[in-house]
């Protein structure tokens, strides 16, 4: 995966999640953003799966939101 692709995908997901911060009960979104902000191009392979595990094990976000986050996480190469 090229760095530009990773950064673009991360920024798109971040923008999507930041729009959701305006909704009630956005604490889950805040946590997802905190985890996402830890991802860098250099550590992406080490952190891959962290977001997915959080969505599956702990999060109570809407299915469509979780699907977008998991898609980002699983497409990391």
N, C-alpha and C. Protein backbone atom coordinates (compact mmCIF):
# COMPACT_ATOMS: atom_id res chain seq x y z
N UNK A 1 0.85 -1.18 0.00
CA UNK A 1 0.00 0.00 0.00
C UNK A 1 0.89 1.24 0.00
N UNK A 2 0.57 2.15 -0.88
CA UNK A 2 1.33 3.39 -0.94
C UNK A 2 0.87 4.32 0.18
N UNK A 3 1.79 5.15 0.63
CA UNK A 3 1.51 6.06 1.74
C UNK A 3 0.37 7.01 1.40
N UNK A 4 0.33 7.50 0.17
CA UNK A 4 -0.72 8.44 -0.23
C UNK A 4 -2.10 7.81 -0.13
N UNK A 5 -2.19 6.55 -0.52
CA UNK A 5 -3.48 5.84 -0.46
C UNK A 5 -3.92 5.68 0.98
N UNK A 6 -2.98 5.27 1.84
CA UNK A 6 -3.29 5.11 3.25
C UNK A 6 -3.79 6.42 3.86
N UNK A 7 -3.06 7.48 3.61
CA UNK A 7 -3.41 8.78 4.19
C UNK A 7 -4.77 9.25 3.68
N UNK A 8 -5.03 9.08 2.39
CA UNK A 8 -6.32 9.48 1.82
C UNK A 8 -7.47 8.71 2.46
N UNK A 9 -7.32 7.40 2.57
CA UNK A 9 -8.37 6.58 3.18
C UNK A 9 -8.59 6.94 4.64
N UNK A 10 -7.50 7.17 5.35
CA UNK A 10 -7.61 7.54 6.77
C UNK A 10 -8.33 8.88 6.92
N UNK A 11 -7.97 9.85 6.10
CA UNK A 11 -8.59 11.17 6.19
C UNK A 11 -10.07 11.13 5.82
N UNK A 12 -10.44 10.31 4.85
CA UNK A 12 -11.86 10.18 4.49
C UNK A 12 -12.65 9.57 5.63
N UNK A 13 -12.10 8.54 6.26
CA UNK A 13 -12.78 7.92 7.40
C UNK A 13 -12.86 8.90 8.56
N UNK A 14 -11.79 9.61 8.80
CA UNK A 14 -11.77 10.59 9.89
C UNK A 14 -12.82 11.68 9.66
N UNK A 15 -12.94 12.18 8.45
CA UNK A 15 -13.93 13.21 8.13
C UNK A 15 -15.35 12.68 8.34
N UNK A 16 -15.59 11.44 7.91
CA UNK A 16 -16.89 10.80 8.11
C UNK A 16 -17.22 10.71 9.59
N UNK A 17 -16.27 10.26 10.38
CA UNK A 17 -16.50 10.09 11.82
C UNK A 17 -16.68 11.44 12.52
N UNK A 18 -15.93 12.44 12.10
CA UNK A 18 -16.05 13.76 12.72
C UNK A 18 -17.43 14.37 12.47
N UNK A 19 -18.04 14.05 11.33
CA UNK A 19 -19.41 14.52 11.08
C UNK A 19 -20.37 13.91 12.09
N UNK A 20 -20.08 12.69 12.51
CA UNK A 20 -20.96 11.98 13.45
C UNK A 20 -20.79 12.46 14.89
N UNK A 21 -19.77 13.24 15.16
CA UNK A 21 -19.57 13.76 16.52
C UNK A 21 -20.70 14.68 16.94
N UNK A 22 -21.44 15.18 15.98
CA UNK A 22 -22.55 16.09 16.26
C UNK A 22 -23.79 15.35 16.74
N UNK A 23 -23.79 14.03 16.63
CA UNK A 23 -24.95 13.24 17.00
C UNK A 23 -24.92 12.91 18.49
N UNK A 24 -26.09 12.62 19.06
CA UNK A 24 -26.12 12.21 20.47
C UNK A 24 -25.35 10.90 20.65
N UNK A 25 -24.82 10.72 21.85
CA UNK A 25 -24.08 9.51 22.19
C UNK A 25 -22.89 9.30 21.26
N UNK A 26 -22.08 10.33 21.14
CA UNK A 26 -20.93 10.25 20.24
C UNK A 26 -19.67 9.78 20.96
N UNK A 27 -19.79 9.28 22.18
CA UNK A 27 -18.60 8.83 22.91
C UNK A 27 -17.93 7.65 22.20
N UNK A 28 -18.72 6.80 21.58
CA UNK A 28 -18.16 5.67 20.82
C UNK A 28 -17.34 6.20 19.64
N UNK A 29 -17.85 7.21 18.98
CA UNK A 29 -17.16 7.80 17.83
C UNK A 29 -15.85 8.43 18.28
N UNK A 30 -15.88 9.10 19.43
CA UNK A 30 -14.67 9.71 19.97
C UNK A 30 -13.61 8.65 20.22
N UNK A 31 -14.00 7.53 20.78
CA UNK A 31 -13.05 6.45 21.03
C UNK A 31 -12.48 5.90 19.73
N UNK A 32 -13.33 5.73 18.73
CA UNK A 32 -12.86 5.24 17.43
C UNK A 32 -11.86 6.23 16.83
N UNK A 33 -12.16 7.52 16.93
CA UNK A 33 -11.23 8.53 16.41
C UNK A 33 -9.90 8.51 17.16
N UNK A 34 -9.95 8.30 18.46
CA UNK A 34 -8.71 8.22 19.24
C UNK A 34 -7.85 7.06 18.77
N UNK A 35 -8.48 5.93 18.52
CA UNK A 35 -7.73 4.77 18.01
C UNK A 35 -7.21 5.05 16.60
N UNK A 36 -8.06 5.61 15.75
CA UNK A 36 -7.68 5.91 14.37
C UNK A 36 -6.49 6.87 14.33
N UNK A 37 -6.47 7.84 15.23
CA UNK A 37 -5.37 8.81 15.25
C UNK A 37 -4.03 8.17 15.61
N UNK A 38 -4.06 7.00 16.20
CA UNK A 38 -2.81 6.29 16.53
C UNK A 38 -2.20 5.64 15.29
N UNK A 39 -3.02 5.42 14.26
CA UNK A 39 -2.54 4.78 13.04
C UNK A 39 -1.69 5.77 12.23
N UNK A 40 -0.49 5.36 11.89
CA UNK A 40 0.35 6.11 10.95
C UNK A 40 0.74 5.15 9.84
N UNK A 41 1.31 5.69 8.79
CA UNK A 41 1.74 4.81 7.71
C UNK A 41 2.79 3.82 8.20
N UNK A 42 3.68 4.29 9.06
CA UNK A 42 4.77 3.43 9.53
C UNK A 42 4.31 2.33 10.47
N UNK A 43 3.28 2.58 11.28
CA UNK A 43 2.85 1.55 12.24
C UNK A 43 1.54 0.86 11.84
N UNK A 44 1.08 1.10 10.64
CA UNK A 44 -0.23 0.60 10.21
C UNK A 44 -0.33 -0.92 10.30
N UNK A 45 0.73 -1.63 9.95
CA UNK A 45 0.67 -3.09 9.98
C UNK A 45 0.67 -3.61 11.41
N UNK A 46 1.35 -2.91 12.29
CA UNK A 46 1.38 -3.30 13.70
C UNK A 46 0.02 -3.09 14.35
N UNK A 47 -0.67 -2.00 13.99
CA UNK A 47 -1.96 -1.68 14.60
C UNK A 47 -3.15 -2.30 13.86
N UNK A 48 -2.90 -2.83 12.68
CA UNK A 48 -3.99 -3.42 11.89
C UNK A 48 -4.78 -4.41 12.75
N UNK A 49 -6.09 -4.24 12.75
CA UNK A 49 -6.96 -5.12 13.52
C UNK A 49 -7.44 -4.49 14.82
N UNK A 50 -6.77 -3.45 15.28
CA UNK A 50 -7.16 -2.80 16.54
C UNK A 50 -8.56 -2.21 16.43
N UNK A 51 -8.83 -1.50 15.35
CA UNK A 51 -10.16 -0.91 15.16
C UNK A 51 -11.22 -1.99 15.02
N UNK A 52 -10.90 -3.02 14.27
CA UNK A 52 -11.86 -4.12 14.07
C UNK A 52 -12.21 -4.78 15.40
N UNK A 53 -11.19 -5.07 16.20
CA UNK A 53 -11.45 -5.70 17.51
C UNK A 53 -12.30 -4.79 18.39
N UNK A 54 -12.03 -3.49 18.36
CA UNK A 54 -12.83 -2.57 19.17
C UNK A 54 -14.29 -2.58 18.71
N UNK A 55 -14.51 -2.51 17.41
CA UNK A 55 -15.88 -2.50 16.88
C UNK A 55 -16.61 -3.77 17.26
N UNK A 56 -15.97 -4.91 17.10
CA UNK A 56 -16.62 -6.19 17.35
C UNK A 56 -16.80 -6.46 18.84
N UNK A 57 -15.78 -6.18 19.64
CA UNK A 57 -15.80 -6.56 21.06
C UNK A 57 -16.44 -5.54 21.99
N UNK A 58 -16.29 -4.25 21.70
CA UNK A 58 -16.67 -3.25 22.70
C UNK A 58 -17.66 -2.20 22.23
N UNK A 59 -17.66 -1.91 20.96
CA UNK A 59 -18.43 -0.78 20.46
C UNK A 59 -19.90 -1.13 20.27
N UNK A 60 -20.72 -0.11 20.39
CA UNK A 60 -22.15 -0.27 20.15
C UNK A 60 -22.61 0.72 19.08
N UNK A 61 -21.74 0.98 18.11
CA UNK A 61 -22.11 1.90 17.03
C UNK A 61 -23.01 1.19 16.03
N UNK A 62 -23.70 1.99 15.25
CA UNK A 62 -24.57 1.48 14.20
C UNK A 62 -23.77 0.59 13.24
N UNK A 63 -24.45 -0.41 12.71
CA UNK A 63 -23.80 -1.37 11.81
C UNK A 63 -23.08 -0.69 10.65
N UNK A 64 -23.72 0.30 10.04
CA UNK A 64 -23.12 0.95 8.86
C UNK A 64 -21.83 1.68 9.21
N UNK A 65 -21.77 2.24 10.41
CA UNK A 65 -20.55 2.92 10.86
C UNK A 65 -19.46 1.89 11.10
N UNK A 66 -19.80 0.84 11.82
CA UNK A 66 -18.84 -0.22 12.09
C UNK A 66 -18.30 -0.84 10.81
N UNK A 67 -19.17 -1.00 9.84
CA UNK A 67 -18.76 -1.58 8.56
C UNK A 67 -17.70 -0.72 7.88
N UNK A 68 -17.87 0.60 7.89
CA UNK A 68 -16.89 1.50 7.27
C UNK A 68 -15.55 1.43 7.99
N UNK A 69 -15.59 1.39 9.32
CA UNK A 69 -14.36 1.34 10.10
C UNK A 69 -13.63 0.01 9.86
N UNK A 70 -14.36 -1.07 9.88
CA UNK A 70 -13.76 -2.39 9.66
C UNK A 70 -13.20 -2.50 8.24
N UNK A 71 -13.91 -1.93 7.27
CA UNK A 71 -13.42 -1.95 5.89
C UNK A 71 -12.07 -1.23 5.78
N UNK A 72 -11.95 -0.08 6.42
CA UNK A 72 -10.67 0.64 6.43
C UNK A 72 -9.59 -0.24 7.03
N UNK A 73 -9.88 -0.83 8.17
CA UNK A 73 -8.90 -1.62 8.91
C UNK A 73 -8.46 -2.86 8.13
N UNK A 74 -9.39 -3.54 7.52
CA UNK A 74 -9.04 -4.77 6.81
C UNK A 74 -8.34 -4.51 5.47
N UNK A 75 -8.50 -3.33 4.91
CA UNK A 75 -7.86 -3.00 3.64
C UNK A 75 -6.43 -2.49 3.80
N UNK A 76 -5.95 -2.41 5.01
CA UNK A 76 -4.57 -1.97 5.23
C UNK A 76 -3.63 -3.06 4.74
N UNK A 77 -2.67 -2.66 3.96
CA UNK A 77 -1.66 -3.59 3.42
C UNK A 77 -0.28 -3.06 3.72
